[in-house]
Every structure is written in structure tokens, then in C-alpha cells.
């Protein structure tokens, strides 16, 4: 009996260590997200800092992910909803899905923080012009420097804009124009539009090959075309239409501690370095393609009813 005691103690200790290890391995964070292009890189960077936390992603487009989180509010299955756009973040806040949380040691710029702490934005997609320098020279056209330049008669049929009926990029650009300048500006711009492109990159592509002088698009497309050696200049207007995306902590989620740790990570330079390889401007300064100190992100003065905007655009601008 006496001889069995050390063995029993050793077995108990081994069992305790095994159970302890299992508990560490069992730690996880469940994340609903609408931007799966960077998930693998973000997971690798997060796991390097927190090897004991498994990351479970549930990916989908913004609408379904938002609706799912709201539907589960009585029995939350996610710890974090992240990389959804600003409209979805506000919808989740108003529905009571998020609880306030301020990430620790946050490097995120103040403009990207929700005033009440319900969510934090992680990056912005900024809108700009791709201007073909050879086309300008051929047509003897001046280089545009502001959005207001685009309604000048000299640019007649030299501009392509993403269609707001088919493109989120087009929607962001044109709703900003209405908010900042009014519908008459969009009517005047329409006189110079050669084509409303189906996708966010279509107009920039046309400009880059010289079919037109100016294509409106989003930052990563603009920089990609320039880095490919196309004869283009990238122009940001006096104000910058943009789409911001971010995330927040789900109230009553199954793993609140791990959810907070993940949001702490997303507010760090480590996460921004990953995001900065694929987005225009990160909320943490010093990463991404766009220097936010050189542009002014437009903040919408009025909420946008997207279906109503599309209806008015179709009737008033396209005469449909």
C-alpha cells in the first residue's frame, strides 16, 4: 500500500497536467467576419502572440453576418464581429449586440473610435481618381486636382464612375458627393460620364489603358494600376469618400476574455502590419498604402438610405 502511494501521486500529477494542458488548448475565440481575405495572415500573427487561443472564424458577406449576430442576441454564439462596414457596426450597436470595450494599449487613431466605445474601426478604403497622363496630353486637358474639377465641360465623356446600383464603391463615392455637394453636382457630373462601370475597378481600368482620361475607384486598385507601370497619376480630392470597417465585442459571448484579447490585438501594430498589405489605410498610423495625414476622410452629415438613394439615382440621373 505504501509503495502504491508515490505511483498514485505521480498518476494524479500527470492527470492534472494533462487536464491543465487540455484547458489551455480548449481556449478559443469565435469571430464572425465579412472579410476573409486576410484571415489566415491575421490568425498567424495572433497565434504568434497568443498560442493558447484557437481562433474560429465564421465568414460571410456583411448582410448575413450582421443579421445572424442580431438573431442570436438572446443566445450569442460569437465573441467578436469584425471587419464589417460602418453601417453594419451602427446597426449592431443599435440592436444591442455589442457591449462597450476599449482595447488595451490601443494604437488606433481617435477618429476611428466610436465615441461610446461600442466598436472600433480598423481600416478605411479610400476613393480616388486614376488619371491617364498620356490621354490628358493627347486631348490637351488639365490635370484635375479636386472632385469639383470633374464637372467642368472640358472633361465631357472622359470620366467613368462605378455604378452605385451595382457597386459599393460607386455608392460610397456618389452618396458622399450628394452629402457634400448636393444632387445638382451629381447631375452636372453625369454630363461628363462616359460610362457607369459595373464594378469598383472598371472605370480605373478604362482610364489606365487610355480609353478615357479619368476613372474613379478605390485606393488598392489605383495603386495597383500605377505600380504596374500604367501612365497614370493618383489624385485624391479635397475631401475623400471612404468606407470604414471594424469590429466590436459581442455582449454575453461565450468567451469574453478571449474576445477582448483579440480586439486588443486588432488595435495593435502587429495587426495593422497585416492589414496594411491589403488595405488602403489602417486605423493604426504608419501602415497601408494611403497616408491619412495627407487626406481628409469625409464624415457623412446625414444617414444614407441605400435603397432610396439607388431609386433616386436611377430616376433622377439615369432617367430610368
C-alpha atoms as a PDB file:
ATOM      1  CA  UNK A   1       0.000   0.000   0.000  1.00  0.00           C
ATOM      2  CA  UNK A   2       2.774   2.341   0.995  1.00  0.00           C
ATOM      3  CA  UNK A   3       4.579   1.605  -2.269  1.00  0.00           C
ATOM      4  CA  UNK A   4       1.490   2.485  -4.308  1.00  0.00           C
ATOM      5  CA  UNK A   5       1.222   5.992  -2.898  1.00  0.00           C
ATOM      6  CA  UNK A   6       4.048   7.578  -4.943  1.00  0.00           C
ATOM      7  CA  UNK A   7       2.646   5.957  -8.081  1.00  0.00           C
ATOM      8  CA  UNK A   8      -0.807   7.267  -7.314  1.00  0.00           C
ATOM      9  CA  UNK A   9       0.558  10.740  -6.659  1.00  0.00           C
ATOM     10  CA  UNK A  10       2.544  10.642  -9.899  1.00  0.00           C
ATOM     11  CA  UNK A  11      -0.511   9.496 -11.835  1.00  0.00           C
ATOM     12  CA  UNK A  12      -2.612  12.237 -10.280  1.00  0.00           C
ATOM     13  CA  UNK A  13       0.017  14.825 -11.119  1.00  0.00           C
ATOM     14  CA  UNK A  14       0.240  13.617 -14.691  1.00  0.00           C
ATOM     15  CA  UNK A  15      -3.540  13.667 -14.980  1.00  0.00           C
ATOM     16  CA  UNK A  16      -3.638  17.197 -13.575  1.00  0.00           C
ATOM     17  CA  UNK A  17      -1.036  18.326 -16.085  1.00  0.00           C
ATOM     18  CA  UNK A  18      -2.968  16.697 -18.911  1.00  0.00           C
ATOM     19  CA  UNK A  19      -6.184  18.341 -17.812  1.00  0.00           C
ATOM     20  CA  UNK A  20      -4.391  21.662 -17.432  1.00  0.00           C
ATOM     21  CA  UNK A  21      -2.985  21.339 -20.936  1.00  0.00           C
ATOM     22  CA  UNK A  22      -6.427  20.451 -22.263  1.00  0.00           C
ATOM     23  CA  UNK A  23      -7.885  23.544 -20.655  1.00  0.00           C
ATOM     24  CA  UNK A  24      -5.263  25.719 -22.322  1.00  0.00           C
ATOM     25  CA  UNK A  25      -5.911  24.077 -25.672  1.00  0.00           C
ATOM     26  CA  UNK A  26      -9.661  24.497 -25.207  1.00  0.00           C
ATOM     27  CA  UNK A  27      -9.418  28.303 -25.017  1.00  0.00           C
ATOM     28  CA  UNK A  28     -10.903  29.782 -28.175  1.00  0.00           C
ATOM     29  CA  UNK A  29     -12.410  32.906 -29.648  1.00  0.00           C
ATOM     30  CA  UNK A  30     -15.324  32.782 -32.088  1.00  0.00           C
ATOM     31  CA  UNK A  31     -15.308  35.545 -34.668  1.00  0.00           C
ATOM     32  CA  UNK A  32     -17.955  36.500 -37.203  1.00  0.00           C
ATOM     33  CA  UNK A  33     -16.368  38.421 -40.044  1.00  0.00           C
ATOM     34  CA  UNK A  34     -17.099  39.714 -43.531  1.00  0.00           C
ATOM     35  CA  UNK A  35     -13.573  39.998 -44.937  1.00  0.00           C
ATOM     36  CA  UNK A  36     -11.936  36.598 -45.148  1.00  0.00           C
ATOM     37  CA  UNK A  37      -9.103  37.639 -47.494  1.00  0.00           C
ATOM     38  CA  UNK A  38      -6.802  38.451 -44.560  1.00  0.00           C
ATOM     39  CA  UNK A  39      -7.954  35.829 -42.072  1.00  0.00           C
ATOM     40  CA  UNK A  40      -5.086  33.366 -42.483  1.00  0.00           C
ATOM     41  CA  UNK A  41      -2.443  36.074 -42.093  1.00  0.00           C
ATOM     42  CA  UNK A  42      -4.232  37.620 -39.107  1.00  0.00           C
ATOM     43  CA  UNK A  43      -4.602  34.218 -37.437  1.00  0.00           C
ATOM     44  CA  UNK A  44      -0.875  33.547 -37.856  1.00  0.00           C
ATOM     45  CA  UNK A  45       0.023  36.920 -36.338  1.00  0.00           C
ATOM     46  CA  UNK A  46      -2.480  36.495 -33.499  1.00  0.00           C
ATOM     47  CA  UNK A  47      -1.343  32.928 -32.725  1.00  0.00           C
ATOM     48  CA  UNK A  48       2.267  34.086 -32.581  1.00  0.00           C
ATOM     49  CA  UNK A  49       1.253  36.322 -29.679  1.00  0.00           C
ATOM     50  CA  UNK A  50      -1.369  34.030 -28.133  1.00  0.00           C
ATOM     51  CA  UNK A  51      -0.562  30.383 -28.966  1.00  0.00           C
ATOM     52  CA  UNK A  52      -3.003  29.083 -26.357  1.00  0.00           C
ATOM     53  CA  UNK A  53      -6.101  30.541 -28.037  1.00  0.00           C
ATOM     54  CA  UNK A  54      -7.713  28.823 -31.004  1.00  0.00           C
ATOM     55  CA  UNK A  55      -9.448  31.108 -33.498  1.00  0.00           C
ATOM     56  CA  UNK A  56     -12.718  30.023 -35.069  1.00  0.00           C
ATOM     57  CA  UNK A  57     -13.846  32.176 -37.975  1.00  0.00           C
ATOM     58  CA  UNK A  58     -17.372  32.227 -39.350  1.00  0.00           C
ATOM     59  CA  UNK A  59     -17.148  34.167 -42.608  1.00  0.00           C
ATOM     60  CA  UNK A  60     -19.836  35.606 -44.848  1.00  0.00           C
ATOM     61  CA  UNK A  61     -20.944  38.792 -46.526  1.00  0.00           C
ATOM     62  CA  UNK A  62     -21.777  41.770 -44.345  1.00  0.00           C
ATOM     63  CA  UNK A  63     -25.572  41.487 -44.512  1.00  0.00           C
ATOM     64  CA  UNK A  64     -25.940  37.834 -43.470  1.00  0.00           C
ATOM     65  CA  UNK A  65     -23.220  38.090 -40.802  1.00  0.00           C
ATOM     66  CA  UNK A  66     -24.921  41.133 -39.285  1.00  0.00           C
ATOM     67  CA  UNK A  67     -28.363  39.528 -39.395  1.00  0.00           C
ATOM     68  CA  UNK A  68     -27.037  36.337 -37.798  1.00  0.00           C
ATOM     69  CA  UNK A  69     -25.421  38.197 -34.898  1.00  0.00           C
ATOM     70  CA  UNK A  70     -28.641  40.134 -34.280  1.00  0.00           C
ATOM     71  CA  UNK A  71     -30.786  36.993 -34.469  1.00  0.00           C
ATOM     72  CA  UNK A  72     -28.540  35.281 -31.894  1.00  0.00           C
ATOM     73  CA  UNK A  73     -28.609  38.195 -29.451  1.00  0.00           C
ATOM     74  CA  UNK A  74     -30.576  36.167 -26.893  1.00  0.00           C
ATOM     75  CA  UNK A  75     -28.024  33.348 -27.071  1.00  0.00           C
ATOM     76  CA  UNK A  76     -24.806  34.751 -28.576  1.00  0.00           C
ATOM     77  CA  UNK A  77     -22.549  32.308 -30.394  1.00  0.00           C
ATOM     78  CA  UNK A  78     -19.826  34.800 -31.370  1.00  0.00           C
ATOM     79  CA  UNK A  79     -17.358  36.684 -29.206  1.00  0.00           C
ATOM     80  CA  UNK A  80     -16.445  39.297 -31.801  1.00  0.00           C
ATOM     81  CA  UNK A  81     -17.939  40.639 -35.009  1.00  0.00           C
ATOM     82  CA  UNK A  82     -15.234  42.313 -37.056  1.00  0.00           C
ATOM     83  CA  UNK A  83     -14.308  43.766 -40.451  1.00  0.00           C
ATOM     84  CA  UNK A  84     -17.871  44.765 -41.247  1.00  0.00           C
ATOM     85  CA  UNK A  85     -18.619  48.229 -42.599  1.00  0.00           C
ATOM     86  CA  UNK A  86     -19.650  51.278 -40.627  1.00  0.00           C
ATOM     87  CA  UNK A  87     -23.359  50.895 -41.412  1.00  0.00           C
ATOM     88  CA  UNK A  88     -23.307  47.335 -40.061  1.00  0.00           C
ATOM     89  CA  UNK A  89     -21.372  48.415 -36.962  1.00  0.00           C
ATOM     90  CA  UNK A  90     -24.013  51.025 -36.189  1.00  0.00           C
ATOM     91  CA  UNK A  91     -26.783  48.500 -36.830  1.00  0.00           C
ATOM     92  CA  UNK A  92     -25.177  46.033 -34.414  1.00  0.00           C
ATOM     93  CA  UNK A  93     -24.746  48.738 -31.800  1.00  0.00           C
ATOM     94  CA  UNK A  94     -28.362  49.892 -32.062  1.00  0.00           C
ATOM     95  CA  UNK A  95     -29.594  46.283 -31.890  1.00  0.00           C
ATOM     96  CA  UNK A  96     -27.746  45.751 -28.600  1.00  0.00           C
ATOM     97  CA  UNK A  97     -25.331  43.139 -29.969  1.00  0.00           C
ATOM     98  CA  UNK A  98     -22.196  44.981 -28.831  1.00  0.00           C
ATOM     99  CA  UNK A  99     -21.057  45.911 -25.348  1.00  0.00           C
ATOM    100  CA  UNK A 100     -18.574  48.754 -24.804  1.00  0.00           C
ATOM    101  CA  UNK A 101     -14.918  47.761 -24.715  1.00  0.00           C
ATOM    102  CA  UNK A 102     -11.810  49.918 -25.068  1.00  0.00           C
ATOM    103  CA  UNK A 103      -8.895  47.792 -26.351  1.00  0.00           C
ATOM    104  CA  UNK A 104      -5.820  47.855 -24.125  1.00  0.00           C
ATOM    105  CA  UNK A 105      -2.732  49.706 -25.371  1.00  0.00           C
ATOM    106  CA  UNK A 106      -4.699  50.739 -28.444  1.00  0.00           C
ATOM    107  CA  UNK A 107      -2.711  52.338 -31.263  1.00  0.00           C
ATOM    108  CA  UNK A 108      -5.858  53.252 -33.181  1.00  0.00           C
ATOM    109  CA  UNK A 109      -6.277  56.899 -34.145  1.00  0.00           C
ATOM    110  CA  UNK A 110      -9.037  58.799 -32.344  1.00  0.00           C
ATOM    111  CA  UNK A 111     -11.127  59.308 -35.499  1.00  0.00           C
ATOM    112  CA  UNK A 112     -11.584  55.528 -35.783  1.00  0.00           C
ATOM    113  CA  UNK A 113     -13.010  55.054 -32.281  1.00  0.00           C
ATOM    114  CA  UNK A 114     -16.751  55.030 -31.653  1.00  0.00           C
ATOM    115  CA  UNK A 115     -17.480  57.738 -29.043  1.00  0.00           C
ATOM    116  CA  UNK A 116     -19.317  55.385 -26.668  1.00  0.00           C
ATOM    117  CA  UNK A 117     -16.799  52.562 -27.064  1.00  0.00           C
ATOM    118  CA  UNK A 118     -19.145  50.037 -28.677  1.00  0.00           C
ATOM    119  CA  UNK A 119     -16.849  49.355 -31.624  1.00  0.00           C
ATOM    120  CA  UNK A 120     -13.525  50.316 -33.169  1.00  0.00           C
ATOM    121  CA  UNK A 121     -12.784  50.795 -36.847  1.00  0.00           C
ATOM    122  CA  UNK A 122      -9.689  49.031 -38.122  1.00  0.00           C
ATOM    123  CA  UNK A 123      -9.210  50.425 -41.619  1.00  0.00           C
ATOM    124  CA  UNK A 124     -10.590  52.696 -44.303  1.00  0.00           C
ATOM    125  CA  UNK A 125     -10.975  52.104 -48.022  1.00  0.00           C
ATOM    126  CA  UNK A 126     -10.464  55.491 -49.623  1.00  0.00           C
ATOM    127  CA  UNK A 127     -11.749  56.663 -53.004  1.00  0.00           C
ATOM    128  CA  UNK A 128      -9.593  58.421 -55.560  1.00  0.00           C
ATOM    129  CA  UNK A 129      -9.093  59.153 -59.257  1.00  0.00           C
ATOM    130  CA  UNK A 130      -6.869  57.330 -61.712  1.00  0.00           C
ATOM    131  CA  UNK A 131      -5.860  59.936 -64.302  1.00  0.00           C
ATOM    132  CA  UNK A 132      -4.176  58.905 -67.554  1.00  0.00           C
ATOM    133  CA  UNK A 133      -1.407  61.424 -68.218  1.00  0.00           C
ATOM    134  CA  UNK A 134      -0.994  60.414 -71.864  1.00  0.00           C
ATOM    135  CA  UNK A 135      -4.715  60.856 -72.534  1.00  0.00           C
ATOM    136  CA  UNK A 136      -4.614  64.295 -70.924  1.00  0.00           C
ATOM    137  CA  UNK A 137      -1.716  65.320 -73.160  1.00  0.00           C
ATOM    138  CA  UNK A 138      -3.393  63.902 -76.251  1.00  0.00           C
ATOM    139  CA  UNK A 139      -6.640  65.772 -75.534  1.00  0.00           C
ATOM    140  CA  UNK A 140      -4.862  68.854 -74.139  1.00  0.00           C
ATOM    141  CA  UNK A 141      -6.722  68.540 -70.835  1.00  0.00           C
ATOM    142  CA  UNK A 142      -5.594  69.925 -67.461  1.00  0.00           C
ATOM    143  CA  UNK A 143      -4.806  67.614 -64.553  1.00  0.00           C
ATOM    144  CA  UNK A 144      -7.797  67.565 -62.164  1.00  0.00           C
ATOM    145  CA  UNK A 145      -6.945  68.301 -58.554  1.00  0.00           C
ATOM    146  CA  UNK A 146     -10.368  68.250 -56.868  1.00  0.00           C
ATOM    147  CA  UNK A 147     -13.692  66.471 -57.272  1.00  0.00           C
ATOM    148  CA  UNK A 148     -15.207  69.812 -58.216  1.00  0.00           C
ATOM    149  CA  UNK A 149     -12.999  69.875 -61.321  1.00  0.00           C
ATOM    150  CA  UNK A 150     -14.845  66.851 -62.682  1.00  0.00           C
ATOM    151  CA  UNK A 151     -17.974  68.814 -63.567  1.00  0.00           C
ATOM    152  CA  UNK A 152     -16.066  71.187 -65.871  1.00  0.00           C
ATOM    153  CA  UNK A 153     -17.206  70.875 -69.517  1.00  0.00           C
ATOM    154  CA  UNK A 154     -13.624  70.241 -70.632  1.00  0.00           C
ATOM    155  CA  UNK A 155     -13.914  66.670 -69.270  1.00  0.00           C
ATOM    156  CA  UNK A 156     -17.039  65.780 -71.279  1.00  0.00           C
ATOM    157  CA  UNK A 157     -17.295  61.984 -71.692  1.00  0.00           C
ATOM    158  CA  UNK A 158     -13.812  61.492 -70.239  1.00  0.00           C
ATOM    159  CA  UNK A 159     -14.898  60.089 -66.861  1.00  0.00           C
ATOM    160  CA  UNK A 160     -16.027  56.682 -65.639  1.00  0.00           C
ATOM    161  CA  UNK A 161     -17.690  56.171 -62.259  1.00  0.00           C
ATOM    162  CA  UNK A 162     -18.659  52.850 -60.642  1.00  0.00           C
ATOM    163  CA  UNK A 163     -22.426  52.422 -60.783  1.00  0.00           C
ATOM    164  CA  UNK A 164     -23.991  52.911 -57.338  1.00  0.00           C
ATOM    165  CA  UNK A 165     -26.673  50.439 -58.421  1.00  0.00           C
ATOM    166  CA  UNK A 166     -24.101  47.638 -58.683  1.00  0.00           C
ATOM    167  CA  UNK A 167     -21.013  48.698 -56.739  1.00  0.00           C
ATOM    168  CA  UNK A 168     -20.391  49.565 -53.115  1.00  0.00           C
ATOM    169  CA  UNK A 169     -17.503  51.741 -54.275  1.00  0.00           C
ATOM    170  CA  UNK A 170     -19.839  53.685 -56.547  1.00  0.00           C
ATOM    171  CA  UNK A 171     -22.322  54.005 -53.721  1.00  0.00           C
ATOM    172  CA  UNK A 172     -19.694  55.402 -51.359  1.00  0.00           C
ATOM    173  CA  UNK A 173     -18.453  57.913 -53.930  1.00  0.00           C
ATOM    174  CA  UNK A 174     -21.822  59.210 -55.075  1.00  0.00           C
ATOM    175  CA  UNK A 175     -23.548  59.297 -51.681  1.00  0.00           C
ATOM    176  CA  UNK A 176     -20.592  61.362 -50.473  1.00  0.00           C
ATOM    177  CA  UNK A 177     -20.957  63.714 -53.439  1.00  0.00           C
ATOM    178  CA  UNK A 178     -24.646  64.188 -52.635  1.00  0.00           C
ATOM    179  CA  UNK A 179     -23.885  64.708 -48.946  1.00  0.00           C
ATOM    180  CA  UNK A 180     -21.062  67.180 -49.610  1.00  0.00           C
ATOM    181  CA  UNK A 181     -22.183  68.970 -52.781  1.00  0.00           C
ATOM    182  CA  UNK A 182     -25.846  68.093 -53.381  1.00  0.00           C
ATOM    183  CA  UNK A 183     -27.732  66.388 -56.210  1.00  0.00           C
ATOM    184  CA  UNK A 184     -27.076  69.207 -58.733  1.00  0.00           C
ATOM    185  CA  UNK A 185     -23.354  68.342 -58.557  1.00  0.00           C
ATOM    186  CA  UNK A 186     -24.106  64.716 -59.462  1.00  0.00           C
ATOM    187  CA  UNK A 187     -26.349  65.879 -62.312  1.00  0.00           C
ATOM    188  CA  UNK A 188     -23.506  68.024 -63.671  1.00  0.00           C
ATOM    189  CA  UNK A 189     -21.027  65.181 -63.227  1.00  0.00           C
ATOM    190  CA  UNK A 190     -23.348  62.892 -65.165  1.00  0.00           C
ATOM    191  CA  UNK A 191     -22.922  65.137 -68.222  1.00  0.00           C
ATOM    192  CA  UNK A 192     -19.233  64.182 -68.281  1.00  0.00           C
ATOM    193  CA  UNK A 193     -19.640  60.461 -67.572  1.00  0.00           C
ATOM    194  CA  UNK A 194     -18.597  58.156 -70.386  1.00  0.00           C
ATOM    195  CA  UNK A 195     -19.679  55.007 -68.562  1.00  0.00           C
ATOM    196  CA  UNK A 196     -21.010  53.829 -65.205  1.00  0.00           C
ATOM    197  CA  UNK A 197     -18.871  50.753 -64.566  1.00  0.00           C
ATOM    198  CA  UNK A 198     -20.414  47.577 -63.155  1.00  0.00           C
ATOM    199  CA  UNK A 199     -17.635  47.088 -60.599  1.00  0.00           C
ATOM    200  CA  UNK A 200     -15.472  49.253 -58.406  1.00  0.00           C
ATOM    201  CA  UNK A 201     -12.357  48.826 -60.586  1.00  0.00           C
ATOM    202  CA  UNK A 202     -13.896  49.129 -64.050  1.00  0.00           C
ATOM    203  CA  UNK A 203     -13.536  52.873 -64.523  1.00  0.00           C
ATOM    204  CA  UNK A 204      -9.952  52.898 -63.317  1.00  0.00           C
ATOM    205  CA  UNK A 205      -9.108  50.114 -65.766  1.00  0.00           C
ATOM    206  CA  UNK A 206     -10.567  52.132 -68.650  1.00  0.00           C
ATOM    207  CA  UNK A 207      -8.509  55.155 -67.659  1.00  0.00           C
ATOM    208  CA  UNK A 208      -5.343  53.134 -67.205  1.00  0.00           C
ATOM    209  CA  UNK A 209      -5.420  51.934 -70.835  1.00  0.00           C
ATOM    210  CA  UNK A 210      -6.260  55.388 -72.192  1.00  0.00           C
ATOM    211  CA  UNK A 211      -9.840  54.791 -73.297  1.00  0.00           C
ATOM    212  CA  UNK A 212     -10.831  57.734 -71.100  1.00  0.00           C
ATOM    213  CA  UNK A 213      -8.905  60.267 -69.051  1.00  0.00           C
ATOM    214  CA  UNK A 214     -10.300  59.746 -65.550  1.00  0.00           C
ATOM    215  CA  UNK A 215     -11.579  56.712 -63.679  1.00  0.00           C
ATOM    216  CA  UNK A 216     -12.956  56.829 -60.150  1.00  0.00           C
ATOM    217  CA  UNK A 217     -12.143  53.843 -57.970  1.00  0.00           C
ATOM    218  CA  UNK A 218     -10.774  52.717 -54.592  1.00  0.00           C
ATOM    219  CA  UNK A 219      -7.236  53.002 -53.326  1.00  0.00           C
ATOM    220  CA  UNK A 220      -5.831  49.496 -53.767  1.00  0.00           C
ATOM    221  CA  UNK A 221      -6.952  49.343 -57.403  1.00  0.00           C
ATOM    222  CA  UNK A 222      -5.496  52.790 -58.090  1.00  0.00           C
ATOM    223  CA  UNK A 223      -2.116  51.918 -56.593  1.00  0.00           C
ATOM    224  CA  UNK A 224      -2.060  48.514 -58.283  1.00  0.00           C
ATOM    225  CA  UNK A 225      -2.503  50.099 -61.709  1.00  0.00           C
ATOM    226  CA  UNK A 226       0.197  52.679 -61.068  1.00  0.00           C
ATOM    227  CA  UNK A 227       2.652  50.085 -59.740  1.00  0.00           C
ATOM    228  CA  UNK A 228       2.007  48.008 -62.876  1.00  0.00           C
ATOM    229  CA  UNK A 229       3.593  50.792 -64.900  1.00  0.00           C
ATOM    230  CA  UNK A 230       0.454  52.326 -66.374  1.00  0.00           C
ATOM    231  CA  UNK A 231       0.867  56.037 -67.300  1.00  0.00           C
ATOM    232  CA  UNK A 232      -1.420  57.225 -64.532  1.00  0.00           C
ATOM    233  CA  UNK A 233      -1.489  59.659 -61.654  1.00  0.00           C
ATOM    234  CA  UNK A 234      -3.486  59.090 -58.464  1.00  0.00           C
ATOM    235  CA  UNK A 235      -5.483  62.096 -57.305  1.00  0.00           C
ATOM    236  CA  UNK A 236      -7.344  62.496 -54.017  1.00  0.00           C
ATOM    237  CA  UNK A 237      -9.900  65.252 -53.814  1.00  0.00           C
ATOM    238  CA  UNK A 238     -10.253  67.959 -51.190  1.00  0.00           C
ATOM    239  CA  UNK A 239     -12.455  65.506 -49.320  1.00  0.00           C
ATOM    240  CA  UNK A 240     -12.170  61.738 -49.508  1.00  0.00           C
ATOM    241  CA  UNK A 241     -15.155  59.401 -49.832  1.00  0.00           C
ATOM    242  CA  UNK A 242     -14.448  56.281 -47.833  1.00  0.00           C
ATOM    243  CA  UNK A 243     -15.746  53.026 -46.407  1.00  0.00           C
ATOM    244  CA  UNK A 244     -14.575  52.195 -42.886  1.00  0.00           C
ATOM    245  CA  UNK A 245     -14.630  48.706 -41.382  1.00  0.00           C
ATOM    246  CA  UNK A 246     -14.067  47.444 -37.875  1.00  0.00           C
ATOM    247  CA  UNK A 247     -15.438  45.320 -35.068  1.00  0.00           C
ATOM    248  CA  UNK A 248     -16.750  45.075 -31.549  1.00  0.00           C
ATOM    249  CA  UNK A 249     -17.207  42.771 -28.559  1.00  0.00           C
ATOM    250  CA  UNK A 250     -20.424  40.742 -28.542  1.00  0.00           C
ATOM    251  CA  UNK A 251     -22.376  41.202 -25.306  1.00  0.00           C
ATOM    252  CA  UNK A 252     -22.746  37.879 -23.497  1.00  0.00           C
ATOM    253  CA  UNK A 253     -20.497  35.978 -25.897  1.00  0.00           C
ATOM    254  CA  UNK A 254     -19.183  32.551 -24.844  1.00  0.00           C
ATOM    255  CA  UNK A 255     -15.541  33.643 -24.486  1.00  0.00           C
ATOM    256  CA  UNK A 256     -15.452  37.308 -23.402  1.00  0.00           C
ATOM    257  CA  UNK A 257     -11.865  37.190 -22.133  1.00  0.00           C
ATOM    258  CA  UNK A 258     -10.569  35.834 -25.425  1.00  0.00           C
ATOM    259  CA  UNK A 259     -12.781  38.239 -27.359  1.00  0.00           C
ATOM    260  CA  UNK A 260     -11.160  41.165 -25.556  1.00  0.00           C
ATOM    261  CA  UNK A 261      -7.693  39.738 -26.203  1.00  0.00           C
ATOM    262  CA  UNK A 262      -8.480  39.523 -29.919  1.00  0.00           C
ATOM    263  CA  UNK A 263      -9.729  43.121 -30.029  1.00  0.00           C
ATOM    264  CA  UNK A 264      -6.584  44.208 -28.157  1.00  0.00           C
ATOM    265  CA  UNK A 265      -4.581  42.527 -30.917  1.00  0.00           C
ATOM    266  CA  UNK A 266      -6.623  44.211 -33.663  1.00  0.00           C
ATOM    267  CA  UNK A 267      -5.752  47.593 -32.127  1.00  0.00           C
ATOM    268  CA  UNK A 268      -2.014  46.851 -32.291  1.00  0.00           C
ATOM    269  CA  UNK A 269       0.784  47.463 -34.771  1.00  0.00           C
ATOM    270  CA  UNK A 270       1.038  43.698 -35.321  1.00  0.00           C
ATOM    271  CA  UNK A 271      -2.470  43.527 -36.780  1.00  0.00           C
ATOM    272  CA  UNK A 272      -2.032  46.785 -38.687  1.00  0.00           C
ATOM    273  CA  UNK A 273       1.070  45.390 -40.398  1.00  0.00           C
ATOM    274  CA  UNK A 274      -1.028  42.520 -41.749  1.00  0.00           C
ATOM    275  CA  UNK A 275      -3.955  44.718 -42.779  1.00  0.00           C
ATOM    276  CA  UNK A 276      -1.588  47.249 -44.304  1.00  0.00           C
ATOM    277  CA  UNK A 277      -0.584  44.776 -47.019  1.00  0.00           C
ATOM    278  CA  UNK A 278      -4.112  44.587 -48.429  1.00  0.00           C
ATOM    279  CA  UNK A 279      -5.991  47.772 -47.476  1.00  0.00           C
ATOM    280  CA  UNK A 280      -5.651  51.440 -48.277  1.00  0.00           C
ATOM    281  CA  UNK A 281      -5.375  53.000 -44.836  1.00  0.00           C
ATOM    282  CA  UNK A 282      -5.134  51.335 -41.432  1.00  0.00           C
ATOM    283  CA  UNK A 283      -6.584  52.900 -38.297  1.00  0.00           C
ATOM    284  CA  UNK A 284      -3.169  52.471 -36.689  1.00  0.00           C
ATOM    285  CA  UNK A 285      -0.956  55.172 -38.228  1.00  0.00           C
ATOM    286  CA  UNK A 286       2.027  54.183 -40.333  1.00  0.00           C
ATOM    287  CA  UNK A 287       0.619  51.223 -42.262  1.00  0.00           C
ATOM    288  CA  UNK A 288      -1.222  50.772 -45.550  1.00  0.00           C
ATOM    289  CA  UNK A 289      -0.940  52.471 -48.928  1.00  0.00           C
ATOM    290  CA  UNK A 290      -2.533  55.788 -48.002  1.00  0.00           C
ATOM    291  CA  UNK A 291      -1.099  58.387 -45.650  1.00  0.00           C
ATOM    292  CA  UNK A 292      -4.137  59.612 -43.731  1.00  0.00           C
ATOM    293  CA  UNK A 293      -2.311  62.770 -42.716  1.00  0.00           C
ATOM    294  CA  UNK A 294      -2.431  63.867 -46.361  1.00  0.00           C
ATOM    295  CA  UNK A 295      -6.178  63.454 -46.939  1.00  0.00           C
ATOM    296  CA  UNK A 296      -9.442  64.329 -45.208  1.00  0.00           C
ATOM    297  CA  UNK A 297     -11.862  61.450 -44.713  1.00  0.00           C
ATOM    298  CA  UNK A 298     -15.409  62.668 -45.293  1.00  0.00           C
ATOM    299  CA  UNK A 299     -17.790  62.039 -42.408  1.00  0.00           C
ATOM    300  CA  UNK A 300     -21.361  61.751 -43.630  1.00  0.00           C
ATOM    301  CA  UNK A 301     -23.577  64.501 -42.254  1.00  0.00           C
ATOM    302  CA  UNK A 302     -26.779  62.575 -42.834  1.00  0.00           C
ATOM    303  CA  UNK A 303     -27.585  58.858 -42.665  1.00  0.00           C
ATOM    304  CA  UNK A 304     -27.903  57.161 -46.046  1.00  0.00           C
ATOM    305  CA  UNK A 305     -30.915  55.078 -47.012  1.00  0.00           C
ATOM    306  CA  UNK A 306     -29.188  52.986 -49.684  1.00  0.00           C
ATOM    307  CA  UNK A 307     -32.318  51.578 -51.401  1.00  0.00           C
ATOM    308  CA  UNK A 308     -33.847  55.056 -51.533  1.00  0.00           C
ATOM    309  CA  UNK A 309     -30.605  56.560 -52.855  1.00  0.00           C
ATOM    310  CA  UNK A 310     -30.449  53.972 -55.631  1.00  0.00           C
ATOM    311  CA  UNK A 311     -34.055  54.676 -56.548  1.00  0.00           C
ATOM    312  CA  UNK A 312     -33.459  58.432 -56.740  1.00  0.00           C
ATOM    313  CA  UNK A 313     -30.220  57.947 -58.699  1.00  0.00           C
ATOM    314  CA  UNK A 314     -31.933  55.698 -61.226  1.00  0.00           C
ATOM    315  CA  UNK A 315     -34.813  58.134 -61.692  1.00  0.00           C
ATOM    316  CA  UNK A 316     -33.008  61.461 -61.454  1.00  0.00           C
ATOM    317  CA  UNK A 317     -29.656  60.677 -63.068  1.00  0.00           C
ATOM    318  CA  UNK A 318     -30.193  57.662 -65.314  1.00  0.00           C
ATOM    319  CA  UNK A 319     -33.792  58.639 -66.169  1.00  0.00           C
ATOM    320  CA  UNK A 320     -34.937  55.045 -65.696  1.00  0.00           C
END
